[in-house]
Amino acid sequence: MKTASTLDHMKASLRLMVLPLALAGANSWAAVSEQEAAALGNQLTPTGAERAGNSDGTIPTWEGGLPSTQDRYADPFAGEQPLFTITAENLDQYADKLSPGQIAMFKRYPDSFRMPVYPSHRTHALPDSIYDVAQWNARHTELNDGGNGLTIFREAMAFPIPQNGLEVIWNHITRYRGGSLERTYVQVPVQANGDFTPVKIEEKLSWPEHLSDDPDANQTANMLAFFLQRVLAPARLTGDVLLIHETLNQVSQPRQAWTYNTGQRRVRRAPQIAYDAPGTASDGLRTADNLDMFNGAPDRYDWKLVGKRELYIPYNSFPLASRDLTYDQILAKGHLNPEHTRYELHRVWEVEATLKEGERHIYSKRVFYVDEDSWQIAIADHYDGRGDLWRVAEAHALPYRDAQVTWVAAETLYDLQSGRYLATGLTNEEGDGYDFGERFAYKDFTPQAIRRMGH
């Protein structure tokens, strides 16, 4: 009898054999040398961050992250007080450790936006098996097809020692998120006057290595993940279902998507759920590739690695995840209620994406600030076609200690021009919100499956 671990190993091996053939092309980049990879787990953390803290002690040494616990929302730092609070009045003192988008938020909301800054804690931790995968990827995984695909990639953390901006972004795209999960959360478009109606969403996600069955290798070749989304409320949207087969190389094989509409009672292919297509139930406040700070194909932009810097970013967002809070208490006019946010000083990779000549997207430039420990994009500044700063995104990171996963308590996208914003990923009124123990079969992510869901 094959055990689950044996099946996982077999499926991973099949992907390794198929991916080079499916993604082969010109413009491949080499993996790092054995000597460079040996730094992982030594001078570097197992996933590629600098293990040491900074010179003045405001960023600590990584000591392995928080230990696992089943009480994921218990705040280990509940007794801490802010070191200081950044406001519009003292902004100049801290501007060198803020992104242009964050600075713009103070100018847009001078009387209400503030950032309480707490002591920094490097809490990110992953299962040992994922550290092993990161070590293997460092030695083997390469960019190919102009950076649009990956050759010889296993599961998560493609480039723990990145050589360029595109590899940093691929680390965000391929970072570990539990392997398989089901979650219920709300996405909330907040109007300029503060009014809002939550949209409740249920999602199922699985990465190929974590499927409970043993699908044909061709069904998982060039696949990053399988995604199923159903809207639960409000009533006018209830029952609509979206299915996505998320491909690794979306240029050679575009993202495969299907929708089920309750009114029409039929499944349709949905080829346009990518790039700057409007995001689901977002009231026009985000693009398809805004979800999860950035997702999908990177081919429409030129990617520049600006370097590494220190930045005040949302981190250890236990206060925002509190099960005692309601959405009315969290969602304020213009932005999240600062009483429930937490910022810390951390090192980030800064990556600038500039729209290629001849390509189309509503964002002419995007600048991403990527947490060095988790590879989660923490801040993203978006510029419109005129080159003006338009939207500012923040990922309020949270270590889900029961699953050893860093994800978010909430993700926000602020429209500086309209005064509206989108908050997504909130689970305060949704029980546990995330269930990382779920396992799904390939058959759960087929057009036939979403047709059955609609009946």
Protein backbone atom coordinates (compact mmCIF):
# COMPACT_ATOMS: atom_id res chain seq x y z
CA MET A 1 0.00 0.00 0.00
CA LYS A 2 1.31 3.44 -0.93
CA THR A 3 1.51 5.88 1.96
CA ALA A 4 0.58 9.57 1.56
CA SER A 5 4.25 10.57 1.80
CA THR A 6 5.18 8.02 -0.87
CA LEU A 7 2.50 9.36 -3.20
CA ASP A 8 3.67 12.92 -2.56
CA HIS A 9 7.23 11.92 -3.46
CA MET A 10 6.09 10.15 -6.61
CA LYS A 11 4.01 13.13 -7.75
CA ALA A 12 6.90 15.50 -7.09
CA SER A 13 9.22 13.27 -9.10
CA LEU A 14 6.77 13.18 -12.01
CA ARG A 15 6.58 16.97 -12.00
CA LEU A 16 10.35 17.17 -12.06
CA MET A 17 10.48 14.98 -15.16
CA VAL A 18 7.67 16.78 -17.00
CA LEU A 19 8.42 20.41 -16.17
CA PRO A 20 11.67 20.74 -18.10
CA LEU A 21 9.89 19.44 -21.21
CA ALA A 22 6.79 21.57 -20.72
CA LEU A 23 8.70 24.75 -20.01
CA ALA A 24 11.85 24.35 -22.05
CA GLY A 25 12.91 27.43 -23.95
CA ALA A 26 15.56 30.03 -24.43
CA ASN A 27 16.82 32.50 -21.83
CA SER A 28 17.39 30.16 -18.89
CA TRP A 29 19.19 31.33 -15.74
CA ALA A 30 21.46 29.05 -13.75
CA ALA A 31 20.80 27.92 -10.17
CA VAL A 32 23.29 28.97 -7.47
CA SER A 33 26.44 26.97 -6.79
CA GLU A 34 26.82 24.36 -4.07
CA GLN A 35 29.04 26.78 -2.15
CA GLU A 36 26.43 29.54 -2.28
CA ALA A 37 23.60 27.18 -1.34
CA ALA A 38 25.58 26.03 1.71
CA ALA A 39 24.88 29.42 3.30
CA LEU A 40 21.23 28.40 3.77
CA GLY A 41 20.71 27.49 7.40
CA ASN A 42 24.04 29.09 8.34
CA GLN A 43 24.69 32.76 7.52
CA LEU A 44 21.25 32.74 5.95
CA THR A 45 18.00 31.36 7.29
CA PRO A 46 16.77 28.14 5.63
CA THR A 47 14.68 30.26 3.25
CA GLY A 48 17.35 32.81 2.38
CA ALA A 49 17.02 35.79 4.74
CA GLU A 50 19.98 37.26 6.58
CA ARG A 51 20.09 35.38 9.87
CA ALA A 52 21.81 38.23 11.72
CA GLY A 53 19.97 41.29 12.95
CA ASN A 54 20.92 44.83 11.99
CA SER A 55 23.79 46.80 13.47
CA ASP A 56 21.73 48.90 15.91
CA GLY A 57 19.67 46.00 17.22
CA THR A 58 16.29 47.24 16.01
CA ILE A 59 15.97 44.14 13.83
CA PRO A 60 16.80 40.99 15.82
CA THR A 61 18.60 37.83 14.80
CA TRP A 62 16.35 35.07 13.41
CA GLU A 63 16.23 32.33 16.03
CA GLY A 64 13.91 29.88 14.30
CA GLY A 65 10.63 31.78 14.52
CA LEU A 66 7.72 31.18 16.87
CA PRO A 67 7.14 27.62 18.08
CA SER A 68 4.09 25.77 16.85
CA THR A 69 0.87 25.99 18.89
CA GLN A 70 -2.74 25.09 18.28
CA ASP A 71 -3.99 28.44 19.62
CA ARG A 72 -3.17 30.34 16.45
CA TYR A 73 -4.80 33.65 17.40
CA ALA A 74 -3.30 33.94 20.89
CA ASP A 75 -1.13 37.08 20.84
CA PRO A 76 2.34 36.33 22.28
CA PHE A 77 3.08 40.06 22.33
CA ALA A 78 -0.16 41.25 23.92
CA GLY A 79 1.68 43.04 26.72
CA GLU A 80 3.83 45.16 24.43
CA GLN A 81 3.27 48.87 23.89
CA PRO A 82 4.26 50.81 20.74
CA LEU A 83 7.79 52.17 20.72
CA PHE A 84 6.35 55.21 18.95
CA THR A 85 3.54 56.12 16.57
CA ILE A 86 4.14 57.69 13.17
CA THR A 87 1.69 60.46 12.32
CA ALA A 88 1.43 63.20 9.71
CA GLU A 89 3.08 65.57 12.23
CA ASN A 90 6.27 63.52 12.85
CA LEU A 91 6.39 61.85 9.42
CA ASP A 92 9.69 63.47 8.40
CA GLN A 93 11.54 61.69 11.24
CA TYR A 94 10.72 58.28 9.78
CA ALA A 95 10.33 58.92 6.04
CA ASP A 96 13.56 57.07 5.16
CA LYS A 97 11.95 53.83 6.37
CA LEU A 98 8.59 54.30 4.61
CA SER A 99 7.54 53.64 1.03
CA PRO A 100 6.25 56.52 -1.14
CA GLY A 101 2.80 54.94 -0.87
CA GLN A 102 2.88 54.92 2.91
CA ILE A 103 3.97 58.55 2.93
CA ALA A 104 1.11 59.36 0.56
CA MET A 105 -1.37 57.78 2.99
CA PHE A 106 -0.32 60.25 5.70
CA LYS A 107 -0.80 63.13 3.29
CA ARG A 108 -4.17 61.81 2.10
CA TYR A 109 -5.47 61.23 5.65
CA PRO A 110 -3.41 63.56 7.89
CA ASP A 111 -5.93 63.56 10.74
CA SER A 112 -6.62 59.85 11.01
CA PHE A 113 -3.93 57.63 9.46
CA ARG A 114 -1.17 56.55 11.82
CA MET A 115 1.27 53.68 12.22
CA PRO A 116 1.94 52.29 15.71
CA VAL A 117 5.44 50.81 15.60
CA TYR A 118 6.23 47.93 17.96
CA PRO A 119 9.42 45.99 18.76
CA SER A 120 10.41 43.74 15.86
CA HIS A 121 10.04 39.97 16.16
CA ARG A 122 11.14 37.56 13.43
CA THR A 123 8.39 35.00 13.92
CA HIS A 124 8.37 33.31 10.51
CA ALA A 125 8.77 29.53 10.67
CA LEU A 126 8.02 26.71 8.24
CA PRO A 127 8.01 22.90 8.49
CA ASP A 128 11.45 21.29 8.21
CA SER A 129 10.34 19.51 5.04
CA ILE A 130 9.88 22.89 3.31
CA TYR A 131 13.33 24.01 4.43
CA ASP A 132 14.68 20.90 2.71
CA VAL A 133 12.73 21.77 -0.44
CA ALA A 134 14.15 25.31 -0.42
CA GLN A 135 17.68 23.89 -0.17
CA TRP A 136 17.02 21.62 -3.16
CA ASN A 137 15.45 24.42 -5.24
CA ALA A 138 18.42 26.70 -4.61
CA ARG A 139 20.67 24.15 -6.29
CA HIS A 140 18.37 23.18 -9.17
CA THR A 141 15.53 25.57 -10.03
CA GLU A 142 16.09 28.00 -12.90
CA LEU A 143 14.12 30.68 -14.69
CA ASN A 144 13.45 30.00 -18.34
CA ASP A 145 11.38 31.28 -21.27
CA GLY A 146 12.44 34.86 -20.57
CA GLY A 147 11.64 34.46 -16.89
CA ASN A 148 8.05 33.36 -17.49
CA GLY A 149 8.56 29.80 -16.28
CA LEU A 150 10.53 27.60 -13.92
CA THR A 151 12.62 24.57 -14.77
CA ILE A 152 12.99 21.72 -12.25
CA PHE A 153 10.92 23.24 -9.45
CA ARG A 154 9.66 21.55 -6.29
CA GLU A 155 6.57 22.79 -4.41
CA ALA A 156 7.70 26.06 -2.76
CA MET A 157 10.36 28.77 -2.46
CA ALA A 158 11.87 28.67 -5.93
CA PHE A 159 14.89 30.93 -5.35
CA PRO A 160 15.93 31.24 -1.68
CA ILE A 161 19.09 33.01 -2.87
CA PRO A 162 17.67 35.31 -5.58
CA GLN A 163 19.89 36.81 -8.25
CA ASN A 164 17.46 39.36 -9.71
CA GLY A 165 14.11 41.06 -9.18
CA LEU A 166 12.12 38.47 -11.08
CA GLU A 167 13.42 35.69 -8.85
CA VAL A 168 12.33 37.68 -5.79
CA ILE A 169 8.79 37.95 -7.22
CA TRP A 170 8.77 34.25 -8.05
CA ASN A 171 9.59 33.61 -4.39
CA HIS A 172 6.43 35.48 -3.42
CA ILE A 173 4.39 33.58 -6.01
CA THR A 174 5.77 30.19 -4.94
CA ARG A 175 6.05 30.75 -1.18
CA TYR A 176 4.68 28.04 1.09
CA ARG A 177 1.04 28.48 2.15
CA GLY A 178 0.26 25.20 3.82
CA GLY A 179 0.05 22.91 0.82
CA SER A 180 -3.71 22.47 1.04
CA LEU A 181 -6.43 24.46 2.80
CA GLU A 182 -9.99 25.68 2.92
CA ARG A 183 -10.82 29.17 4.11
CA THR A 184 -13.84 31.43 4.60
CA TYR A 185 -13.24 35.17 4.71
CA VAL A 186 -14.77 38.47 3.70
CA GLN A 187 -13.74 40.92 1.02
CA VAL A 188 -15.02 44.41 1.73
CA PRO A 189 -15.15 47.37 -0.66
CA VAL A 190 -15.27 50.41 1.64
CA GLN A 191 -16.75 53.57 0.14
CA ALA A 192 -15.29 57.04 0.61
CA ASN A 193 -17.93 57.82 3.24
CA GLY A 194 -17.08 54.65 5.19
CA ASP A 195 -20.10 52.58 4.13
CA PHE A 196 -19.50 48.93 3.26
CA THR A 197 -21.17 45.60 2.52
CA PRO A 198 -19.00 42.52 3.17
CA VAL A 199 -18.75 39.84 0.50
CA LYS A 200 -18.33 36.43 2.12
CA ILE A 201 -16.15 34.03 0.14
CA GLU A 202 -15.26 30.36 0.52
CA GLU A 203 -12.10 29.05 -1.11
CA LYS A 204 -10.37 25.71 -1.52
CA LEU A 205 -6.71 25.57 -2.55
CA SER A 206 -4.30 22.74 -3.16
CA TRP A 207 -0.82 22.51 -4.55
CA PRO A 208 -0.21 19.44 -6.77
CA GLU A 209 2.07 17.71 -4.26
CA HIS A 210 -0.74 17.73 -1.68
CA LEU A 211 -3.59 16.25 -3.71
CA SER A 212 -5.05 13.22 -1.97
CA ASP A 213 -5.32 11.15 -5.15
CA ASP A 214 -2.74 10.34 -7.82
CA PRO A 215 -3.68 12.23 -10.99
CA ASP A 216 -2.07 11.69 -14.34
CA ALA A 217 1.27 13.50 -14.65
CA ASN A 218 -0.05 15.51 -17.60
CA GLN A 219 -2.78 16.93 -15.37
CA THR A 220 -0.25 18.43 -12.97
CA ALA A 221 2.59 19.32 -15.37
CA ASN A 222 3.19 23.09 -15.37
CA MET A 223 0.66 23.48 -12.53
CA LEU A 224 1.41 25.68 -9.53
CA ALA A 225 -1.91 25.29 -7.70
CA PHE A 226 -5.62 24.49 -7.96
CA PHE A 227 -8.12 27.07 -6.73
CA LEU A 228 -11.89 27.00 -6.20
CA GLN A 229 -13.86 30.04 -5.04
CA ARG A 230 -17.54 30.36 -4.17
CA VAL A 231 -19.37 33.53 -3.08
CA LEU A 232 -21.60 32.92 -0.04
CA ALA A 233 -23.02 36.44 0.49
CA PRO A 234 -24.59 38.89 -0.29
CA ALA A 235 -27.64 37.23 -1.87
CA ARG A 236 -27.18 38.87 -5.28
CA LEU A 237 -23.81 37.12 -5.69
CA THR A 238 -24.51 33.89 -3.81
CA GLY A 239 -23.65 30.69 -5.61
CA ASP A 240 -21.30 32.06 -8.27
CA VAL A 241 -18.27 29.76 -8.51
CA LEU A 242 -14.80 30.30 -9.97
CA LEU A 243 -12.36 27.47 -10.74
CA ILE A 244 -8.73 28.13 -11.64
CA HIS A 245 -5.89 25.84 -12.64
CA GLU A 246 -2.94 28.11 -11.89
CA THR A 247 -0.13 27.34 -14.31
CA LEU A 248 3.52 28.04 -13.63
CA ASN A 249 4.29 29.38 -17.11
CA GLN A 250 1.21 31.42 -18.04
CA VAL A 251 2.70 32.55 -21.32
CA SER A 252 3.20 29.08 -22.79
CA GLN A 253 -0.01 27.83 -21.10
CA PRO A 254 -2.35 30.60 -19.91
CA ARG A 255 -4.18 30.31 -16.61
CA GLN A 256 -7.15 27.96 -17.07
CA ALA A 257 -10.37 29.30 -15.57
CA TRP A 258 -14.05 28.37 -15.52
CA THR A 259 -17.08 30.06 -13.95
CA TYR A 260 -20.47 28.76 -12.89
CA ASN A 261 -23.29 31.32 -12.88
CA THR A 262 -26.37 30.46 -10.85
CA GLY A 263 -28.66 32.50 -13.09
CA GLN A 264 -27.56 30.72 -16.27
CA ARG A 265 -26.94 27.36 -14.51
CA ARG A 266 -23.99 26.57 -16.73
CA VAL A 267 -20.20 26.32 -16.66
CA ARG A 268 -18.23 28.57 -19.00
CA ARG A 269 -14.56 29.04 -19.78
CA ALA A 270 -13.27 32.35 -18.47
CA PRO A 271 -10.11 33.27 -20.38
CA GLN A 272 -9.85 36.87 -19.14
CA ILE A 273 -9.33 36.36 -15.39
CA ALA A 274 -5.76 37.64 -15.43
CA TYR A 275 -3.62 40.77 -15.52
CA ASP A 276 -5.76 43.92 -15.11
CA ALA A 277 -9.17 42.31 -15.54
CA PRO A 278 -11.48 43.47 -12.71
CA GLY A 279 -11.18 41.41 -9.54
CA THR A 280 -14.13 39.30 -8.40
CA ALA A 281 -16.71 41.22 -6.31
CA SER A 282 -14.24 44.06 -5.69
CA ASP A 283 -16.38 46.97 -6.90
CA GLY A 284 -13.63 47.84 -9.39
CA LEU A 285 -11.07 48.38 -6.62
CA ARG A 286 -8.58 45.73 -7.67
CA THR A 287 -7.31 43.89 -10.71
CA ALA A 288 -7.11 40.12 -11.02
CA ASP A 289 -3.35 40.26 -10.41
CA ASN A 290 -3.75 42.46 -7.30
CA LEU A 291 -5.04 39.52 -5.26
CA ASP A 292 -2.40 38.22 -2.84
CA MET A 293 -0.50 41.48 -3.52
CA PHE A 294 0.64 40.06 -6.89
CA ASN A 295 -0.20 36.87 -8.71
CA GLY A 296 -0.08 35.45 -12.21
CA ALA A 297 2.19 36.00 -15.19
CA PRO A 298 5.09 38.48 -14.89
CA ASP A 299 5.58 38.92 -18.66
CA ARG A 300 4.10 42.41 -19.13
CA TYR A 301 6.70 44.10 -16.92
CA ASP A 302 10.44 44.62 -16.81
CA TRP A 303 11.66 43.69 -13.33
CA LYS A 304 14.47 45.54 -11.57
CA LEU A 305 15.99 44.52 -8.25
CA VAL A 306 16.57 47.86 -6.50
CA GLY A 307 18.13 46.19 -3.47
CA LYS A 308 17.40 45.51 0.17
CA ARG A 309 16.33 48.11 2.72
CA GLU A 310 14.71 48.51 6.13
CA LEU A 311 11.02 49.41 6.17
CA TYR A 312 8.19 49.73 8.67
CA ILE A 313 5.71 47.08 7.53
CA PRO A 314 2.59 45.42 8.98
CA TYR A 315 3.81 42.41 10.93
CA ASN A 316 2.68 39.99 13.64
CA SER A 317 -0.82 41.30 13.15
CA PHE A 318 -2.38 39.44 16.07
CA PRO A 319 -4.37 42.50 17.20
CA LEU A 320 -6.04 42.76 13.79
CA ALA A 321 -6.86 39.04 13.82
CA SER A 322 -8.56 39.15 17.23
CA ARG A 323 -11.76 37.10 17.38
CA ASP A 324 -13.18 39.78 19.72
CA LEU A 325 -13.28 42.36 16.93
CA THR A 326 -16.13 42.97 14.48
CA TYR A 327 -15.75 44.32 10.98
CA ASP A 328 -17.43 47.55 12.12
CA GLN A 329 -14.57 48.04 14.56
CA ILE A 330 -11.86 47.31 11.99
CA LEU A 331 -13.06 49.14 8.88
CA ALA A 332 -12.86 52.90 9.30
CA LYS A 333 -13.42 55.70 6.81
CA GLY A 334 -10.42 55.92 4.46
CA HIS A 335 -8.37 53.08 5.99
CA LEU A 336 -8.25 50.37 8.64
CA ASN A 337 -8.71 51.53 12.22
CA PRO A 338 -5.13 52.17 13.42
CA GLU A 339 -6.05 51.02 16.94
CA HIS A 340 -5.85 47.45 15.66
CA THR A 341 -2.77 47.59 13.41
CA ARG A 342 0.81 46.72 14.26
CA TYR A 343 3.95 47.75 12.35
CA GLU A 344 7.52 46.59 12.85
CA LEU A 345 10.91 47.35 11.31
CA HIS A 346 12.03 44.57 8.96
CA ARG A 347 14.35 44.11 6.00
CA VAL A 348 12.65 43.91 2.63
CA TRP A 349 13.68 43.35 -0.96
CA GLU A 350 12.64 46.28 -3.15
CA VAL A 351 11.60 45.29 -6.68
CA GLU A 352 10.44 47.73 -9.35
CA ALA A 353 8.19 46.54 -12.17
CA THR A 354 7.88 48.85 -15.21
CA LEU A 355 5.35 48.16 -17.95
CA LYS A 356 7.06 47.05 -21.13
CA GLU A 357 6.72 49.17 -24.24
CA GLY A 358 3.74 47.97 -26.28
CA GLU A 359 2.15 46.08 -23.37
CA ARG A 360 -1.15 47.04 -21.74
CA HIS A 361 -1.98 47.31 -18.04
CA ILE A 362 -3.71 49.96 -15.91
CA TYR A 363 -0.57 50.14 -13.74
CA SER A 364 2.40 51.67 -15.55
CA LYS A 365 4.72 50.89 -12.64
CA ARG A 366 4.54 48.84 -9.46
CA VAL A 367 7.06 48.78 -6.64
CA PHE A 368 7.01 45.76 -4.34
CA TYR A 369 8.58 45.51 -0.89
CA VAL A 370 9.04 41.83 -0.04
CA ASP A 371 9.65 40.58 3.50
CA GLU A 372 13.02 38.80 3.55
CA ASP A 373 11.88 36.08 5.98
CA SER A 374 8.54 34.97 4.53
CA TRP A 375 8.83 36.22 0.91
CA GLN A 376 5.38 37.77 1.42
CA ILE A 377 4.98 41.09 -0.39
CA ALA A 378 4.40 43.47 2.51
CA ILE A 379 3.82 46.78 0.69
CA ALA A 380 3.05 47.49 -2.97
CA ASP A 381 2.87 50.95 -4.56
CA HIS A 382 0.95 51.20 -7.86
CA TYR A 383 1.25 54.01 -10.42
CA ASP A 384 -1.28 54.97 -13.10
CA GLY A 385 -0.68 55.60 -16.80
CA ARG A 386 0.41 59.18 -16.10
CA GLY A 387 3.03 57.99 -13.65
CA ASP A 388 1.11 59.23 -10.59
CA LEU A 389 0.89 57.18 -7.41
CA TRP A 390 -2.57 55.64 -7.44
CA ARG A 391 -3.04 52.66 -5.13
CA VAL A 392 -1.19 51.44 -2.05
CA ALA A 393 -1.43 47.84 -0.84
CA GLU A 394 -0.51 46.43 2.56
CA ALA A 395 -0.35 42.80 3.69
CA HIS A 396 -0.90 42.55 7.45
CA ALA A 397 1.21 39.46 8.05
CA LEU A 398 0.35 36.84 10.64
CA PRO A 399 2.14 33.58 11.56
CA TYR A 400 -0.47 30.82 11.64
CA ARG A 401 1.46 28.81 14.19
CA ASP A 402 -0.71 25.71 14.16
CA ALA A 403 0.23 25.13 10.50
CA GLN A 404 3.65 26.88 10.49
CA VAL A 405 2.51 29.22 7.73
CA THR A 406 2.94 32.97 7.37
CA TRP A 407 0.02 34.59 5.56
CA VAL A 408 -2.18 37.58 6.35
CA ALA A 409 -4.83 38.69 8.83
CA ALA A 410 -5.97 41.17 6.18
CA GLU A 411 -4.86 42.60 2.86
CA THR A 412 -5.72 46.19 1.95
CA LEU A 413 -5.63 48.17 -1.29
CA TYR A 414 -6.11 51.93 -0.87
CA ASP A 415 -7.20 54.10 -3.79
CA LEU A 416 -5.58 57.46 -3.11
CA GLN A 417 -7.58 59.19 -5.82
CA SER A 418 -11.13 58.08 -4.96
CA GLY A 419 -10.76 57.68 -1.20
CA ARG A 420 -12.18 54.15 -1.39
CA TYR A 421 -10.37 51.01 -0.37
CA LEU A 422 -10.64 47.23 -0.45
CA ALA A 423 -9.99 45.02 2.56
CA THR A 424 -9.82 41.28 1.95
CA GLY A 425 -8.90 38.20 3.94
CA LEU A 426 -10.69 39.29 7.13
CA THR A 427 -11.93 36.32 9.18
CA ASN A 428 -12.79 37.85 12.57
CA GLU A 429 -16.46 36.87 12.35
CA GLU A 430 -15.86 33.62 10.41
CA GLY A 431 -14.83 31.16 13.13
CA ASP A 432 -11.30 29.88 12.58
CA GLY A 433 -11.30 31.25 9.02
CA TYR A 434 -8.55 28.94 7.76
CA ASP A 435 -8.50 25.14 7.85
CA PHE A 436 -5.04 23.89 6.88
CA GLY A 437 -5.97 20.27 7.55
CA GLU A 438 -8.16 19.81 4.47
CA ARG A 439 -7.01 17.53 1.65
CA PHE A 440 -8.60 17.52 -1.79
CA ALA A 441 -8.53 15.29 -4.84
CA TYR A 442 -7.89 16.41 -8.40
CA LYS A 443 -11.53 15.65 -9.21
CA ASP A 444 -12.55 18.41 -6.76
CA PHE A 445 -11.00 20.95 -9.14
CA THR A 446 -12.74 20.11 -12.40
CA PRO A 447 -15.52 21.81 -14.37
CA GLN A 448 -17.74 18.86 -13.50
CA ALA A 449 -17.17 19.54 -9.80
CA ILE A 450 -18.32 23.16 -9.98
CA ARG A 451 -21.33 22.13 -12.06
CA ARG A 452 -22.34 19.78 -9.23
CA MET A 453 -21.84 22.56 -6.68
CA GLY A 454 -24.41 24.68 -8.49
CA HIS A 455 -27.16 22.09 -8.35
